[in-house]
Amino acid sequence: MLEKGLSSQSRTTVTNDNTALALGSGDLPVFATPSMVALMENAAMTAVAAALPGGSTTVGAEMNVTHIKPSGLGAEITATAVLTGIEGRKLTFNVGARDAEGMIGEGVHVRYVVEREKFMAKIR
């Protein structure tokens, strides 16, 4: 059952593959903002997965984040998502990411509950 307060964490290590340089979002070998966003989305998805009806999943619809500071190669990154709002199928999460030095990013993420088959039927 979906309820406010559901939470999860996702972790990664900064490697050459998830840097701004590799993803083209910048030209420095630091943890890329798109990588941070994906990690936050994964934490949100995971936070509610077990509480969803059979055949359902969530899809990301909105992300409003600030990337506060860089993290270099080898840094361990942990993203946390906490479900803070439920409005029908719309789920709102507070998200944050940290490395060993502290907060590197934070924001709000919106996901929607969808039926897998119905959603995929929209793809042509």
PDB file of N, CA and C in Angstrom:
ATOM      1  N   MET A   1       0.839  -1.180   0.000  1.00  0.00           N
ATOM      2  CA  MET A   1       0.000   0.000   0.000  1.00  0.00           C
ATOM      3  C   MET A   1       0.889   1.251   0.000  1.00  0.00           C
ATOM      4  N   LEU A   2       0.577   2.157  -0.891  1.00  0.00           N
ATOM      5  CA  LEU A   2       1.341   3.400  -0.961  1.00  0.00           C
ATOM      6  C   LEU A   2       1.034   4.279   0.232  1.00  0.00           C
ATOM      7  N   GLU A   3       2.074   4.774   0.876  1.00  0.00           N
ATOM      8  CA  GLU A   3       1.895   5.696   1.991  1.00  0.00           C
ATOM      9  C   GLU A   3       3.094   6.623   2.074  1.00  0.00           C
ATOM     10  N   LYS A   4       2.834   7.843   2.500  1.00  0.00           N
ATOM     11  CA  LYS A   4       3.918   8.811   2.657  1.00  0.00           C
ATOM     12  C   LYS A   4       4.982   8.238   3.581  1.00  0.00           C
ATOM     13  N   GLY A   5       6.224   8.577   3.284  1.00  0.00           N
ATOM     14  CA  GLY A   5       7.331   8.122   4.112  1.00  0.00           C
ATOM     15  C   GLY A   5       8.081   6.942   3.530  1.00  0.00           C
ATOM     16  N   LEU A   6       7.497   6.260   2.532  1.00  0.00           N
ATOM     17  CA  LEU A   6       8.237   5.179   1.894  1.00  0.00           C
ATOM     18  C   LEU A   6       9.536   5.755   1.341  1.00  0.00           C
ATOM     19  N   SER A   7      10.638   5.022   1.493  1.00  0.00           N
ATOM     20  CA  SER A   7      11.922   5.559   1.045  1.00  0.00           C
ATOM     21  C   SER A   7      12.841   4.445   0.584  1.00  0.00           C
ATOM     22  N   SER A   8      13.855   4.848  -0.141  1.00  0.00           N
ATOM     23  CA  SER A   8      14.869   3.907  -0.605  1.00  0.00           C
ATOM     24  C   SER A   8      16.142   4.674  -0.933  1.00  0.00           C
ATOM     25  N   GLN A   9      17.228   3.928  -1.025  1.00  0.00           N
ATOM     26  CA  GLN A   9      18.513   4.500  -1.429  1.00  0.00           C
ATOM     27  C   GLN A   9      19.075   3.709  -2.588  1.00  0.00           C
ATOM     28  N   SER A  10      19.785   4.395  -3.469  1.00  0.00           N
ATOM     29  CA  SER A  10      20.521   3.776  -4.569  1.00  0.00           C
ATOM     30  C   SER A  10      21.947   4.283  -4.497  1.00  0.00           C
ATOM     31  N   ARG A  11      22.884   3.411  -4.851  1.00  0.00           N
ATOM     32  CA  ARG A  11      24.302   3.772  -4.735  1.00  0.00           C
ATOM     33  C   ARG A  11      25.052   3.506  -6.030  1.00  0.00           C
ATOM     34  N   THR A  12      26.095   4.289  -6.227  1.00  0.00           N
ATOM     35  CA  THR A  12      27.013   4.070  -7.345  1.00  0.00           C
ATOM     36  C   THR A  12      28.370   4.643  -6.982  1.00  0.00           C
ATOM     37  N   THR A  13      29.348   4.294  -7.771  1.00  0.00           N
ATOM     38  CA  THR A  13      30.693   4.846  -7.660  1.00  0.00           C
ATOM     39  C   THR A  13      30.963   5.653  -8.916  1.00  0.00           C
ATOM     40  N   VAL A  14      31.597   6.799  -8.768  1.00  0.00           N
ATOM     41  CA  VAL A  14      31.931   7.618  -9.930  1.00  0.00           C
ATOM     42  C   VAL A  14      33.048   6.926 -10.703  1.00  0.00           C
ATOM     43  N   THR A  15      32.752   6.623 -11.963  1.00  0.00           N
ATOM     44  CA  THR A  15      33.714   6.001 -12.873  1.00  0.00           C
ATOM     45  C   THR A  15      33.781   6.855 -14.134  1.00  0.00           C
ATOM     46  N   ASN A  16      34.678   6.505 -15.015  1.00  0.00           N
ATOM     47  CA  ASN A  16      34.766   7.238 -16.284  1.00  0.00           C
ATOM     48  C   ASN A  16      33.449   7.192 -17.061  1.00  0.00           C
ATOM     49  N   ASP A  17      32.636   6.137 -16.856  1.00  0.00           N
ATOM     50  CA  ASP A  17      31.396   5.967 -17.615  1.00  0.00           C
ATOM     51  C   ASP A  17      30.259   6.884 -17.186  1.00  0.00           C
ATOM     52  N   ASN A  18      30.278   7.405 -15.959  1.00  0.00           N
ATOM     53  CA  ASN A  18      29.161   8.245 -15.509  1.00  0.00           C
ATOM     54  C   ASN A  18      29.594   9.690 -15.226  1.00  0.00           C
ATOM     55  N   THR A  19      30.652  10.115 -15.904  1.00  0.00           N
ATOM     56  CA  THR A  19      31.121  11.495 -15.752  1.00  0.00           C
ATOM     57  C   THR A  19      30.465  12.409 -16.780  1.00  0.00           C
ATOM     58  N   ALA A  20      30.541  13.698 -16.514  1.00  0.00           N
ATOM     59  CA  ALA A  20      30.035  14.701 -17.450  1.00  0.00           C
ATOM     60  C   ALA A  20      30.760  14.593 -18.788  1.00  0.00           C
ATOM     61  N   LEU A  21      32.053  14.311 -18.740  1.00  0.00           N
ATOM     62  CA  LEU A  21      32.847  14.160 -19.958  1.00  0.00           C
ATOM     63  C   LEU A  21      32.313  13.008 -20.812  1.00  0.00           C
ATOM     64  N   ALA A  22      32.042  11.860 -20.187  1.00  0.00           N
ATOM     65  CA  ALA A  22      31.570  10.678 -20.923  1.00  0.00           C
ATOM     66  C   ALA A  22      30.163  10.869 -21.478  1.00  0.00           C
ATOM     67  N   LEU A  23      29.300  11.541 -20.717  1.00  0.00           N
ATOM     68  CA  LEU A  23      27.901  11.686 -21.136  1.00  0.00           C
ATOM     69  C   LEU A  23      27.662  12.904 -22.010  1.00  0.00           C
ATOM     70  N   GLY A  24      28.658  13.761 -22.123  1.00  0.00           N
ATOM     71  CA  GLY A  24      28.510  14.938 -22.967  1.00  0.00           C
ATOM     72  C   GLY A  24      27.738  16.072 -22.324  1.00  0.00           C
ATOM     73  N   SER A  25      27.535  15.994 -21.017  1.00  0.00           N
ATOM     74  CA  SER A  25      26.827  17.081 -20.335  1.00  0.00           C
ATOM     75  C   SER A  25      27.798  18.140 -19.823  1.00  0.00           C
ATOM     76  N   GLY A  26      29.069  17.903 -20.036  1.00  0.00           N
ATOM     77  CA  GLY A  26      30.133  18.817 -19.646  1.00  0.00           C
ATOM     78  C   GLY A  26      31.440  18.261 -20.174  1.00  0.00           C
ATOM     79  N   ASP A  27      32.540  18.905 -19.845  1.00  0.00           N
ATOM     80  CA  ASP A  27      33.816  18.409 -20.362  1.00  0.00           C
ATOM     81  C   ASP A  27      34.832  18.125 -19.262  1.00  0.00           C
ATOM     82  N   LEU A  28      34.322  17.837 -18.058  1.00  0.00           N
ATOM     83  CA  LEU A  28      35.188  17.512 -16.928  1.00  0.00           C
ATOM     84  C   LEU A  28      34.913  16.092 -16.436  1.00  0.00           C
ATOM     85  N   PRO A  29      35.920  15.428 -15.883  1.00  0.00           N
ATOM     86  CA  PRO A  29      35.748  14.069 -15.376  1.00  0.00           C
ATOM     87  C   PRO A  29      35.182  14.059 -13.952  1.00  0.00           C
ATOM     88  N   VAL A  30      33.962  14.579 -13.805  1.00  0.00           N
ATOM     89  CA  VAL A  30      33.256  14.611 -12.515  1.00  0.00           C
ATOM     90  C   VAL A  30      31.888  13.950 -12.702  1.00  0.00           C
ATOM     91  N   PHE A  31      31.259  13.550 -11.589  1.00  0.00           N
ATOM     92  CA  PHE A  31      29.950  12.904 -11.634  1.00  0.00           C
ATOM     93  C   PHE A  31      28.973  13.790 -12.393  1.00  0.00           C
ATOM     94  N   ALA A  32      28.370  13.243 -13.431  1.00  0.00           N
ATOM     95  CA  ALA A  32      27.478  13.996 -14.299  1.00  0.00           C
ATOM     96  C   ALA A  32      26.120  14.236 -13.650  1.00  0.00           C
ATOM     97  N   THR A  33      25.563  15.399 -13.907  1.00  0.00           N
ATOM     98  CA  THR A  33      24.211  15.692 -13.433  1.00  0.00           C
ATOM     99  C   THR A  33      23.209  14.651 -13.941  1.00  0.00           C
ATOM    100  N   PRO A  34      23.247  14.245 -15.227  1.00  0.00           N
ATOM    101  CA  PRO A  34      22.312  13.204 -15.660  1.00  0.00           C
ATOM    102  C   PRO A  34      22.477  11.888 -14.894  1.00  0.00           C
ATOM    103  N   SER A  35      23.682  11.570 -14.487  1.00  0.00           N
ATOM    104  CA  SER A  35      23.912  10.361 -13.688  1.00  0.00           C
ATOM    105  C   SER A  35      23.298  10.509 -12.303  1.00  0.00           C
ATOM    106  N   MET A  36      23.420  11.697 -11.717  1.00  0.00           N
ATOM    107  CA  MET A  36      22.825  11.959 -10.412  1.00  0.00           C
ATOM    108  C   MET A  36      21.309  11.852 -10.493  1.00  0.00           C
ATOM    109  N   VAL A  37      20.733  12.435 -11.535  1.00  0.00           N
ATOM    110  CA  VAL A  37      19.276  12.390 -11.721  1.00  0.00           C
ATOM    111  C   VAL A  37      18.809  10.943 -11.872  1.00  0.00           C
ATOM    112  N   ALA A  38      19.506  10.147 -12.671  1.00  0.00           N
ATOM    113  CA  ALA A  38      19.125   8.748 -12.862  1.00  0.00           C
ATOM    114  C   ALA A  38      19.190   7.974 -11.548  1.00  0.00           C
ATOM    115  N   LEU A  39      20.199   8.245 -10.730  1.00  0.00           N
ATOM    116  CA  LEU A  39      20.321   7.572  -9.443  1.00  0.00           C
ATOM    117  C   LEU A  39      19.169   7.962  -8.519  1.00  0.00           C
ATOM    118  N   MET A  40      18.789   9.236  -8.530  1.00  0.00           N
ATOM    119  CA  MET A  40      17.649   9.699  -7.734  1.00  0.00           C
ATOM    120  C   MET A  40      16.353   9.043  -8.213  1.00  0.00           C
ATOM    121  N   GLU A  41      16.174   8.964  -9.529  1.00  0.00           N
ATOM    122  CA  GLU A  41      14.978   8.316 -10.080  1.00  0.00           C
ATOM    123  C   GLU A  41      14.913   6.854  -9.676  1.00  0.00           C
ATOM    124  N   ASN A  42      16.060   6.172  -9.701  1.00  0.00           N
ATOM    125  CA  ASN A  42      16.098   4.776  -9.320  1.00  0.00           C
ATOM    126  C   ASN A  42      15.689   4.594  -7.864  1.00  0.00           C
ATOM    127  N   ALA A  43      16.166   5.480  -6.999  1.00  0.00           N
ATOM    128  CA  ALA A  43      15.786   5.405  -5.584  1.00  0.00           C
ATOM    129  C   ALA A  43      14.285   5.599  -5.413  1.00  0.00           C
ATOM    130  N   ALA A  44      13.706   6.541  -6.154  1.00  0.00           N
ATOM    131  CA  ALA A  44      12.259   6.789  -6.063  1.00  0.00           C
ATOM    132  C   ALA A  44      11.468   5.588  -6.574  1.00  0.00           C
ATOM    133  N   MET A  45      11.873   5.060  -7.720  1.00  0.00           N
ATOM    134  CA  MET A  45      11.192   3.899  -8.289  1.00  0.00           C
ATOM    135  C   MET A  45      11.217   2.736  -7.300  1.00  0.00           C
ATOM    136  N   THR A  46      12.378   2.494  -6.722  1.00  0.00           N
ATOM    137  CA  THR A  46      12.553   1.391  -5.786  1.00  0.00           C
ATOM    138  C   THR A  46      11.759   1.598  -4.497  1.00  0.00           C
ATOM    139  N   ALA A  47      11.634   2.837  -4.060  1.00  0.00           N
ATOM    140  CA  ALA A  47      10.940   3.138  -2.801  1.00  0.00           C
ATOM    141  C   ALA A  47       9.497   2.644  -2.796  1.00  0.00           C
ATOM    142  N   VAL A  48       8.833   2.694  -3.944  1.00  0.00           N
ATOM    143  CA  VAL A  48       7.407   2.358  -3.990  1.00  0.00           C
ATOM    144  C   VAL A  48       7.101   1.057  -4.720  1.00  0.00           C
ATOM    145  N   ALA A  49       8.105   0.434  -5.326  1.00  0.00           N
ATOM    146  CA  ALA A  49       7.875  -0.737  -6.186  1.00  0.00           C
ATOM    147  C   ALA A  49       7.068  -1.840  -5.495  1.00  0.00           C
ATOM    148  N   ALA A  50       7.419  -2.173  -4.276  1.00  0.00           N
ATOM    149  CA  ALA A  50       6.748  -3.276  -3.580  1.00  0.00           C
ATOM    150  C   ALA A  50       5.324  -2.930  -3.149  1.00  0.00           C
ATOM    151  N   ALA A  51       4.988  -1.646  -3.131  1.00  0.00           N
ATOM    152  CA  ALA A  51       3.663  -1.210  -2.673  1.00  0.00           C
ATOM    153  C   ALA A  51       2.664  -1.034  -3.820  1.00  0.00           C
ATOM    154  N   LEU A  52       3.103  -1.273  -5.052  1.00  0.00           N
ATOM    155  CA  LEU A  52       2.233  -1.058  -6.211  1.00  0.00           C
ATOM    156  C   LEU A  52       1.365  -2.279  -6.501  1.00  0.00           C
ATOM    157  N   PRO A  53       0.206  -2.051  -7.114  1.00  0.00           N
ATOM    158  CA  PRO A  53      -0.624  -3.186  -7.531  1.00  0.00           C
ATOM    159  C   PRO A  53       0.109  -4.025  -8.579  1.00  0.00           C
ATOM    160  N   GLY A  54      -0.234  -5.299  -8.664  1.00  0.00           N
ATOM    161  CA  GLY A  54       0.358  -6.174  -9.662  1.00  0.00           C
ATOM    162  C   GLY A  54       0.176  -5.604 -11.061  1.00  0.00           C
ATOM    163  N   GLY A  55       1.218  -5.735 -11.877  1.00  0.00           N
ATOM    164  CA  GLY A  55       1.148  -5.244 -13.246  1.00  0.00           C
ATOM    165  C   GLY A  55       1.421  -3.766 -13.393  1.00  0.00           C
ATOM    166  N   SER A  56       1.729  -3.088 -12.290  1.00  0.00           N
ATOM    167  CA  SER A  56       1.972  -1.647 -12.323  1.00  0.00           C
ATOM    168  C   SER A  56       3.440  -1.334 -12.101  1.00  0.00           C
ATOM    169  N   THR A  57       3.833  -0.142 -12.510  1.00  0.00           N
ATOM    170  CA  THR A  57       5.152   0.399 -12.248  1.00  0.00           C
ATOM    171  C   THR A  57       4.999   1.916 -12.153  1.00  0.00           C
ATOM    172  N   THR A  58       6.098   2.619 -11.998  1.00  0.00           N
ATOM    173  CA  THR A  58       6.042   4.077 -12.030  1.00  0.00           C
ATOM    174  C   THR A  58       6.950   4.582 -13.138  1.00  0.00           C
ATOM    175  N   VAL A  59       6.580   5.728 -13.675  1.00  0.00           N
ATOM    176  CA  VAL A  59       7.400   6.381 -14.690  1.00  0.00           C
ATOM    177  C   VAL A  59       7.684   7.804 -14.239  1.00  0.00           C
ATOM    178  N   GLY A  60       8.900   8.255 -14.526  1.00  0.00           N
ATOM    179  CA  GLY A  60       9.292   9.607 -14.163  1.00  0.00           C
ATOM    180  C   GLY A  60       8.624  10.624 -15.069  1.00  0.00           C
ATOM    181  N   ALA A  61       8.183  11.729 -14.475  1.00  0.00           N
ATOM    182  CA  ALA A  61       7.509  12.771 -15.247  1.00  0.00           C
ATOM    183  C   ALA A  61       8.140  14.142 -15.060  1.00  0.00           C
ATOM    184  N   GLU A  62       8.749  14.372 -13.915  1.00  0.00           N
ATOM    185  CA  GLU A  62       9.305  15.698 -13.629  1.00  0.00           C
ATOM    186  C   GLU A  62      10.444  15.557 -12.641  1.00  0.00           C
ATOM    187  N   MET A  63      11.496  16.351 -12.868  1.00  0.00           N
ATOM    188  CA  MET A  63      12.628  16.370 -11.938  1.00  0.00           C
ATOM    189  C   MET A  63      13.097  17.806 -11.814  1.00  0.00           C
ATOM    190  N   ASN A  64      13.136  18.299 -10.610  1.00  0.00           N
ATOM    191  CA  ASN A  64      13.620  19.652 -10.344  1.00  0.00           C
ATOM    192  C   ASN A  64      14.713  19.523  -9.291  1.00  0.00           C
ATOM    193  N   VAL A  65      15.975  19.544  -9.747  1.00  0.00           N
ATOM    194  CA  VAL A  65      17.084  19.339  -8.832  1.00  0.00           C
ATOM    195  C   VAL A  65      18.156  20.403  -9.001  1.00  0.00           C
ATOM    196  N   THR A  66      18.918  20.543  -7.959  1.00  0.00           N
ATOM    197  CA  THR A  66      20.095  21.391  -7.969  1.00  0.00           C
ATOM    198  C   THR A  66      21.303  20.502  -7.720  1.00  0.00           C
ATOM    199  N   HIS A  67      22.296  20.611  -8.593  1.00  0.00           N
ATOM    200  CA  HIS A  67      23.556  19.875  -8.401  1.00  0.00           C
ATOM    201  C   HIS A  67      24.502  20.851  -7.705  1.00  0.00           C
ATOM    202  N   ILE A  68      24.742  20.619  -6.425  1.00  0.00           N
ATOM    203  CA  ILE A  68      25.392  21.577  -5.546  1.00  0.00           C
ATOM    204  C   ILE A  68      26.916  21.585  -5.661  1.00  0.00           C
ATOM    205  N   LYS A  69      27.510  20.391  -5.772  1.00  0.00           N
ATOM    206  CA  LYS A  69      28.974  20.332  -5.788  1.00  0.00           C
ATOM    207  C   LYS A  69      29.451  19.118  -6.566  1.00  0.00           C
ATOM    208  N   PRO A  70      30.684  19.166  -7.084  1.00  0.00           N
ATOM    209  CA  PRO A  70      31.205  18.059  -7.880  1.00  0.00           C
ATOM    210  C   PRO A  70      31.699  16.902  -7.018  1.00  0.00           C
ATOM    211  N   SER A  71      31.694  15.724  -7.647  1.00  0.00           N
ATOM    212  CA  SER A  71      32.276  14.528  -7.035  1.00  0.00           C
ATOM    213  C   SER A  71      33.207  13.915  -8.065  1.00  0.00           C
ATOM    214  N   GLY A  72      34.408  13.574  -7.635  1.00  0.00           N
ATOM    215  CA  GLY A  72      35.414  13.061  -8.552  1.00  0.00           C
ATOM    216  C   GLY A  72      35.401  11.553  -8.698  1.00  0.00           C
ATOM    217  N   LEU A  73      36.258  11.075  -9.585  1.00  0.00           N
ATOM    218  CA  LEU A  73      36.398   9.639  -9.822  1.00  0.00           C
ATOM    219  C   LEU A  73      36.662   8.906  -8.513  1.00  0.00           C
ATOM    220  N   GLY A  74      35.983   7.782  -8.331  1.00  0.00           N
ATOM    221  CA  GLY A  74      36.142   6.963  -7.140  1.00  0.00           C
ATOM    222  C   GLY A  74      35.201   7.312  -6.009  1.00  0.00           C
ATOM    223  N   ALA A  75      34.531   8.462  -6.089  1.00  0.00           N
ATOM    224  CA  ALA A  75      33.605   8.854  -5.014  1.00  0.00           C
ATOM    225  C   ALA A  75      32.412   7.904  -4.978  1.00  0.00           C
ATOM    226  N   GLU A  76      31.971   7.583  -3.776  1.00  0.00           N
ATOM    227  CA  GLU A  76      30.769   6.770  -3.577  1.00  0.00           C
ATOM    228  C   GLU A  76      29.587   7.717  -3.434  1.00  0.00           C
ATOM    229  N   ILE A  77      28.578   7.524  -4.270  1.00  0.00           N
ATOM    230  CA  ILE A  77      27.401   8.397  -4.264  1.00  0.00           C
ATOM    231  C   ILE A  77      26.189   7.600  -3.780  1.00  0.00           C
ATOM    232  N   THR A  78      25.422   8.188  -2.861  1.00  0.00           N
ATOM    233  CA  THR A  78      24.185   7.583  -2.380  1.00  0.00           C
ATOM    234  C   THR A  78      23.043   8.559  -2.619  1.00  0.00           C
ATOM    235  N   ALA A  79      22.035   8.102  -3.352  1.00  0.00           N
ATOM    236  CA  ALA A  79      20.830   8.905  -3.573  1.00  0.00           C
ATOM    237  C   ALA A  79      19.718   8.350  -2.694  1.00  0.00           C
ATOM    238  N   THR A  80      18.934   9.251  -2.122  1.00  0.00           N
ATOM    239  CA  THR A  80      17.810   8.884  -1.275  1.00  0.00           C
ATOM    240  C   THR A  80      16.546   9.522  -1.819  1.00  0.00           C
ATOM    241  N   ALA A  81      15.445   8.771  -1.796  1.00  0.00           N
ATOM    242  CA  ALA A  81      14.145   9.295  -2.196  1.00  0.00           C
ATOM    243  C   ALA A  81      13.136   8.972  -1.105  1.00  0.00           C
ATOM    244  N   VAL A  82      12.322   9.968  -0.743  1.00  0.00           N
ATOM    245  CA  VAL A  82      11.280   9.791   0.260  1.00  0.00           C
ATOM    246  C   VAL A  82       9.958  10.240  -0.346  1.00  0.00           C
ATOM    247  N   LEU A  83       8.964   9.364  -0.316  1.00  0.00           N
ATOM    248  CA  LEU A  83       7.640   9.692  -0.839  1.00  0.00           C
ATOM    249  C   LEU A  83       6.968  10.705   0.092  1.00  0.00           C
ATOM    250  N   THR A  84       6.669  11.887  -0.456  1.00  0.00           N
ATOM    251  CA  THR A  84       6.100  12.958   0.367  1.00  0.00           C
ATOM    252  C   THR A  84       4.679  13.342  -0.035  1.00  0.00           C
ATOM    253  N   GLY A  85       4.222  12.883  -1.198  1.00  0.00           N
ATOM    254  CA  GLY A  85       2.885  13.244  -1.640  1.00  0.00           C
ATOM    255  C   GLY A  85       2.271  12.189  -2.537  1.00  0.00           C
ATOM    256  N   ILE A  86       0.972  11.949  -2.346  1.00  0.00           N
ATOM    257  CA  ILE A  86       0.226  11.003  -3.167  1.00  0.00           C
ATOM    258  C   ILE A  86      -1.068  11.690  -3.584  1.00  0.00           C
ATOM    259  N   GLU A  87      -1.231  11.891  -4.888  1.00  0.00           N
ATOM    260  CA  GLU A  87      -2.454  12.492  -5.430  1.00  0.00           C
ATOM    261  C   GLU A  87      -2.932  11.603  -6.567  1.00  0.00           C
ATOM    262  N   GLY A  88      -3.777  10.625  -6.253  1.00  0.00           N
ATOM    263  CA  GLY A  88      -4.187   9.667  -7.272  1.00  0.00           C
ATOM    264  C   GLY A  88      -2.973   8.885  -7.742  1.00  0.00           C
ATOM    265  N   ARG A  89      -2.701   8.946  -9.061  1.00  0.00           N
ATOM    266  CA  ARG A  89      -1.548   8.230  -9.628  1.00  0.00           C
ATOM    267  C   ARG A  89      -0.250   9.019  -9.499  1.00  0.00           C
ATOM    268  N   LYS A  90      -0.328  10.287  -9.108  1.00  0.00           N
ATOM    269  CA  LYS A  90       0.847  11.160  -9.023  1.00  0.00           C
ATOM    270  C   LYS A  90       1.543  10.985  -7.672  1.00  0.00           C
ATOM    271  N   LEU A  91       2.842  10.671  -7.740  1.00  0.00           N
ATOM    272  CA  LEU A  91       3.661  10.492  -6.542  1.00  0.00           C
ATOM    273  C   LEU A  91       4.768  11.539  -6.534  1.00  0.00           C
ATOM    274  N   THR A  92       4.930  12.223  -5.413  1.00  0.00           N
ATOM    275  CA  THR A  92       5.965  13.243  -5.281  1.00  0.00           C
ATOM    276  C   THR A  92       6.986  12.792  -4.245  1.00  0.00           C
ATOM    277  N   PHE A  93       8.257  12.967  -4.596  1.00  0.00           N
ATOM    278  CA  PHE A  93       9.361  12.533  -3.747  1.00  0.00           C
ATOM    279  C   PHE A  93      10.305  13.692  -3.459  1.00  0.00           C
ATOM    280  N   ASN A  94      10.837  13.750  -2.262  1.00  0.00           N
ATOM    281  CA  ASN A  94      12.015  14.570  -1.981  1.00  0.00           C
ATOM    282  C   ASN A  94      13.209  13.675  -2.269  1.00  0.00           C
ATOM    283  N   VAL A  95      14.157  14.194  -3.044  1.00  0.00           N
ATOM    284  CA  VAL A  95      15.326  13.409  -3.416  1.00  0.00           C
ATOM    285  C   VAL A  95      16.595  14.158  -3.031  1.00  0.00           C
ATOM    286  N   GLY A  96      17.629  13.399  -2.750  1.00  0.00           N
ATOM    287  CA  GLY A  96      18.919  13.987  -2.427  1.00  0.00           C
ATOM    288  C   GLY A  96      20.019  13.012  -2.766  1.00  0.00           C
ATOM    289  N   ALA A  97      21.218  13.542  -2.974  1.00  0.00           N
ATOM    290  CA  ALA A  97      22.388  12.702  -3.234  1.00  0.00           C
ATOM    291  C   ALA A  97      23.547  13.224  -2.410  1.00  0.00           C
ATOM    292  N   ARG A  98      24.348  12.285  -1.902  1.00  0.00           N
ATOM    293  CA  ARG A  98      25.487  12.629  -1.042  1.00  0.00           C
ATOM    294  C   ARG A  98      26.711  11.842  -1.475  1.00  0.00           C
ATOM    295  N   ASP A  99      27.867  12.427  -1.201  1.00  0.00           N
ATOM    296  CA  ASP A  99      29.115  11.675  -1.255  1.00  0.00           C
ATOM    297  C   ASP A  99      29.718  11.748   0.141  1.00  0.00           C
ATOM    298  N   ALA A 100      30.947  11.315   0.312  1.00  0.00           N
ATOM    299  CA  ALA A 100      31.567  11.292   1.638  1.00  0.00           C
ATOM    300  C   ALA A 100      31.708  12.684   2.248  1.00  0.00           C
ATOM    301  N   GLU A 101      31.724  13.698   1.404  1.00  0.00           N
ATOM    302  CA  GLU A 101      31.870  15.082   1.878  1.00  0.00           C
ATOM    303  C   GLU A 101      30.546  15.735   2.252  1.00  0.00           C
ATOM    304  N   GLY A 102      29.417  15.119   1.880  1.00  0.00           N
ATOM    305  CA  GLY A 102      28.114  15.687   2.207  1.00  0.00           C
ATOM    306  C   GLY A 102      27.195  15.760   1.004  1.00  0.00           C
ATOM    307  N   MET A 103      26.184  16.617   1.111  1.00  0.00           N
ATOM    308  CA  MET A 103      25.158  16.751   0.083  1.00  0.00           C
ATOM    309  C   MET A 103      25.757  17.252  -1.227  1.00  0.00           C
ATOM    310  N   ILE A 104      25.427  16.566  -2.334  1.00  0.00           N
ATOM    311  CA  ILE A 104      25.887  17.024  -3.657  1.00  0.00           C
ATOM    312  C   ILE A 104      24.725  17.472  -4.536  1.00  0.00           C
ATOM    313  N   GLY A 105      23.502  17.083  -4.175  1.00  0.00           N
ATOM    314  CA  GLY A 105      22.346  17.478  -4.965  1.00  0.00           C
ATOM    315  C   GLY A 105      21.062  17.209  -4.202  1.00  0.00           C
ATOM    316  N   GLU A 106      20.011  17.981  -4.540  1.00  0.00           N
ATOM    317  CA  GLU A 106      18.727  17.796  -3.872  1.00  0.00           C
ATOM    318  C   GLU A 106      17.623  18.355  -4.740  1.00  0.00           C
ATOM    319  N   GLY A 107      16.397  17.896  -4.481  1.00  0.00           N
ATOM    320  CA  GLY A 107      15.283  18.409  -5.253  1.00  0.00           C
ATOM    321  C   GLY A 107      13.996  17.641  -5.031  1.00  0.00           C
ATOM    322  N   VAL A 108      13.102  17.780  -6.016  1.00  0.00           N
ATOM    323  CA  VAL A 108      11.777  17.163  -5.982  1.00  0.00           C
ATOM    324  C   VAL A 108      11.590  16.386  -7.286  1.00  0.00           C
ATOM    325  N   HIS A 109      11.031  15.187  -7.163  1.00  0.00           N
ATOM    326  CA  HIS A 109      10.810  14.313  -8.316  1.00  0.00           C
ATOM    327  C   HIS A 109       9.357  13.845  -8.322  1.00  0.00           C
ATOM    328  N   VAL A 110       8.727  13.867  -9.492  1.00  0.00           N
ATOM    329  CA  VAL A 110       7.351  13.393  -9.653  1.00  0.00           C
ATOM    330  C   VAL A 110       7.348  12.157 -10.543  1.00  0.00           C
ATOM    331  N   ARG A 111       6.631  11.144 -10.093  1.00  0.00           N
ATOM    332  CA  ARG A 111       6.432   9.914 -10.868  1.00  0.00           C
ATOM    333  C   ARG A 111       4.938   9.621 -10.915  1.00  0.00           C
ATOM    334  N   TYR A 112       4.522   8.861 -11.919  1.00  0.00           N
ATOM    335  CA  TYR A 112       3.126   8.432 -12.036  1.00  0.00           C
ATOM    336  C   TYR A 112       3.051   6.920 -12.046  1.00  0.00           C
ATOM    337  N   VAL A 113       2.041   6.393 -11.369  1.00  0.00           N
ATOM    338  CA  VAL A 113       1.769   4.962 -11.402  1.00  0.00           C
ATOM    339  C   VAL A 113       1.064   4.660 -12.722  1.00  0.00           C
ATOM    340  N   VAL A 114       1.576   3.656 -13.440  1.00  0.00           N
ATOM    341  CA  VAL A 114       0.975   3.243 -14.709  1.00  0.00           C
ATOM    342  C   VAL A 114       0.852   1.726 -14.747  1.00  0.00           C
ATOM    343  N   GLU A 115      -0.108   1.252 -15.556  1.00  0.00           N
ATOM    344  CA  GLU A 115      -0.201  -0.173 -15.830  1.00  0.00           C
ATOM    345  C   GLU A 115       0.792  -0.473 -16.944  1.00  0.00           C
ATOM    346  N   ARG A 116       1.673  -1.421 -16.709  1.00  0.00           N
ATOM    347  CA  ARG A 116       2.747  -1.723 -17.655  1.00  0.00           C
ATOM    348  C   ARG A 116       2.239  -1.972 -19.075  1.00  0.00           C
ATOM    349  N   GLU A 117       1.288  -2.884 -19.232  1.00  0.00           N
ATOM    350  CA  GLU A 117       0.809  -3.252 -20.566  1.00  0.00           C
ATOM    351  C   GLU A 117       0.143  -2.077 -21.267  1.00  0.00           C
ATOM    352  N   LYS A 118      -0.684  -1.361 -20.557  1.00  0.00           N
ATOM    353  CA  LYS A 118      -1.376  -0.205 -21.153  1.00  0.00           C
ATOM    354  C   LYS A 118      -0.368   0.866 -21.570  1.00  0.00           C
ATOM    355  N   PHE A 119       0.622   1.101 -20.738  1.00  0.00           N
ATOM    356  CA  PHE A 119       1.650   2.096 -21.044  1.00  0.00           C
ATOM    357  C   PHE A 119       2.448   1.683 -22.283  1.00  0.00           C
ATOM    358  N   MET A 120       2.884   0.455 -22.323  1.00  0.00           N
ATOM    359  CA  MET A 120       3.695  -0.022 -23.438  1.00  0.00           C
ATOM    360  C   MET A 120       2.905  -0.094 -24.747  1.00  0.00           C
ATOM    361  N   ALA A 121       1.588  -0.236 -24.644  1.00  0.00           N
ATOM    362  CA  ALA A 121       0.748  -0.280 -25.845  1.00  0.00           C
ATOM    363  C   ALA A 121       0.767   1.055 -26.575  1.00  0.00           C
ATOM    364  N   LYS A 122       1.195   2.124 -25.899  1.00  0.00           N
ATOM    365  CA  LYS A 122       1.266   3.445 -26.521  1.00  0.00           C
ATOM    366  C   LYS A 122       2.475   3.578 -27.444  1.00  0.00           C
ATOM    367  N   ILE A 123       3.432   2.657 -27.318  1.00  0.00           N
ATOM    368  CA  ILE A 123       4.648   2.694 -28.139  1.00  0.00           C
ATOM    369  C   ILE A 123       4.342   2.080 -29.493  1.00  0.00           C
ATOM    370  N   ARG A 124       4.687   2.776 -30.550  1.00  0.00           N
ATOM    371  CA  ARG A 124       4.432   2.236 -31.903  1.00  0.00           C
ATOM    372  C   ARG A 124       5.716   1.888 -32.576  1.00  0.00           C
TER     373      ARG A 124
END
